[in-house]
Protein backbone atom coordinates (compact mmCIF):
# COMPACT_ATOMS: atom_id res chain seq x y z
CA ALA A 1 -4.26 -18.15 -23.08
CA VAL A 2 -2.07 -16.44 -20.20
CA ARG A 3 0.63 -19.48 -19.86
CA PRO A 4 2.69 -19.27 -23.27
CA LEU A 5 2.78 -15.58 -22.44
CA ALA A 6 3.90 -16.22 -18.63
CA GLU A 7 6.51 -18.79 -19.82
CA LYS A 8 8.21 -16.45 -22.52
CA ALA A 9 8.12 -13.26 -20.78
CA PRO A 10 6.81 -13.52 -17.08
CA ARG A 11 7.66 -10.19 -16.17
CA PHE A 12 5.75 -8.65 -18.99
CA ALA A 13 3.08 -11.39 -18.00
CA GLY A 14 2.99 -10.32 -14.70
CA TRP A 15 2.82 -6.48 -15.18
CA SER A 16 -0.01 -7.20 -17.52
CA LEU A 17 -2.32 -8.94 -14.99
CA ALA A 18 -1.47 -6.36 -12.35
CA ALA A 19 -2.41 -3.81 -15.01
CA ALA A 20 -5.81 -5.95 -15.79
CA GLU A 21 -6.60 -6.02 -12.23
CA THR A 22 -5.90 -2.28 -11.73
CA ALA A 23 -8.13 -1.74 -14.60
CA LEU A 24 -11.27 -3.70 -13.15
CA GLU A 25 -11.19 -3.04 -9.59
CA GLY A 26 -9.17 0.42 -9.62
CA PRO A 27 -6.13 1.10 -8.03
CA LEU A 28 -4.94 0.06 -4.30
CA GLU A 29 -4.23 2.96 -1.99
CA ILE A 30 -1.78 2.49 0.65
CA VAL A 31 -1.17 4.92 3.50
CA VAL A 32 2.18 4.33 5.86
CA ILE A 33 1.89 6.21 9.13
CA THR A 34 5.32 5.93 10.79
CA GLU A 35 7.84 7.86 12.78
CA PRO A 36 11.02 8.47 10.51
CA ASP A 37 13.05 6.11 12.62
CA ASP A 38 10.82 3.55 13.46
CA GLU A 39 11.90 0.15 12.01
CA ILE A 40 8.44 -1.45 11.75
CA GLY A 41 6.95 1.81 9.95
CA ARG A 42 10.23 1.32 7.40
CA ARG A 43 9.20 -2.56 7.17
CA LEU A 44 5.87 -1.40 6.05
CA ALA A 45 6.30 1.27 3.64
CA THR A 46 8.62 -1.21 1.78
CA LYS A 47 6.09 -3.38 1.45
CA ALA A 48 3.49 -1.23 0.37
CA ARG A 49 6.08 0.18 -2.15
CA ALA A 50 6.29 -3.73 -3.79
CA SER A 51 2.89 -3.91 -4.63
CA LEU A 52 2.40 -3.51 -8.36
CA GLY A 53 0.35 -0.70 -9.19
CA ALA A 54 -0.33 0.69 -6.10
CA VAL A 55 -0.65 4.33 -4.70
CA VAL A 56 1.93 4.61 -1.75
CA VAL A 57 1.84 7.37 0.27
CA VAL A 58 4.35 7.57 3.75
CA ALA A 59 3.75 10.38 6.29
CA ALA A 60 4.69 11.05 10.04
CA PRO A 61 2.12 11.68 12.44
CA GLU A 62 2.63 15.39 12.44
CA GLN A 63 1.99 15.53 8.86
CA VAL A 64 -1.37 14.47 8.84
CA ALA A 65 -3.08 17.37 10.37
CA SER A 66 -1.43 19.99 7.82
CA SER A 67 -1.64 17.46 4.78
CA ARG A 68 -3.91 18.83 2.11
CA ILE A 69 -3.94 14.86 0.58
CA PRO A 70 -7.59 13.53 1.30
CA LEU A 71 -6.11 9.82 1.52
CA LEU A 72 -4.10 11.14 5.01
CA GLU A 73 -7.48 12.29 6.68
CA GLY A 74 -8.33 10.78 9.50
CA ARG A 75 -5.24 8.55 9.63
CA GLY A 76 -2.51 8.18 12.52
CA LEU A 77 -0.75 5.60 14.49
CA VAL A 78 -2.61 2.75 15.95
CA ASP A 79 -1.68 2.24 19.71
CA GLY A 80 1.36 4.41 19.44
CA ARG A 81 2.68 1.95 16.64
CA ALA A 82 3.50 2.71 12.77
CA ALA A 83 0.09 1.79 10.74
CA ALA A 84 -0.80 1.06 7.06
CA TYR A 85 -4.14 1.43 5.81
CA VAL A 86 -4.85 -0.12 2.34
CA CYS A 87 -7.89 1.42 0.59
CA ARG A 88 -9.45 1.26 -2.84
CA GLY A 89 -11.82 4.04 -4.00
CA MET A 90 -11.21 5.91 -0.54
CA VAL A 91 -12.58 3.09 1.28
CA CYS A 92 -9.90 1.17 3.61
CA GLU A 93 -9.61 -1.89 5.33
CA ARG A 94 -8.56 -2.04 9.26
CA PRO A 95 -5.26 -0.59 9.69
CA VAL A 96 -2.42 -3.42 9.99
CA THR A 97 0.50 -2.81 12.43
CA ASP A 98 2.43 -5.95 11.31
CA PRO A 99 4.41 -6.09 7.83
CA ALA A 100 3.16 -9.82 7.71
CA GLU A 101 -0.56 -8.75 7.65
CA LEU A 102 0.02 -6.06 4.86
CA LEU A 103 -1.20 -7.57 1.80
CA GLY A 104 -1.04 -11.08 2.87
CA PRO A 105 2.26 -13.35 2.91
């Protein structure tokens, strides 16, 4: 049923499928903790922002302690490296520090 729509309007079909997934499973929440000048942190943030329908928060480590955003609570660098936390419904997977590991290939 989706194939004819995808062939005629692929962008619309993609956005529709992303919206359907979000409606069924809830929105993805991604937190990236990074220093402002960290290249890996920038790459993690870029990949996170490319995820359709995701809520993305990027913060420096010093912002976490003073933040009133619950999603930032308890988040930080991992072994001194930028880290991304992928969560759904405030339940998070283990943090990743490699952009290639964030949300698959």
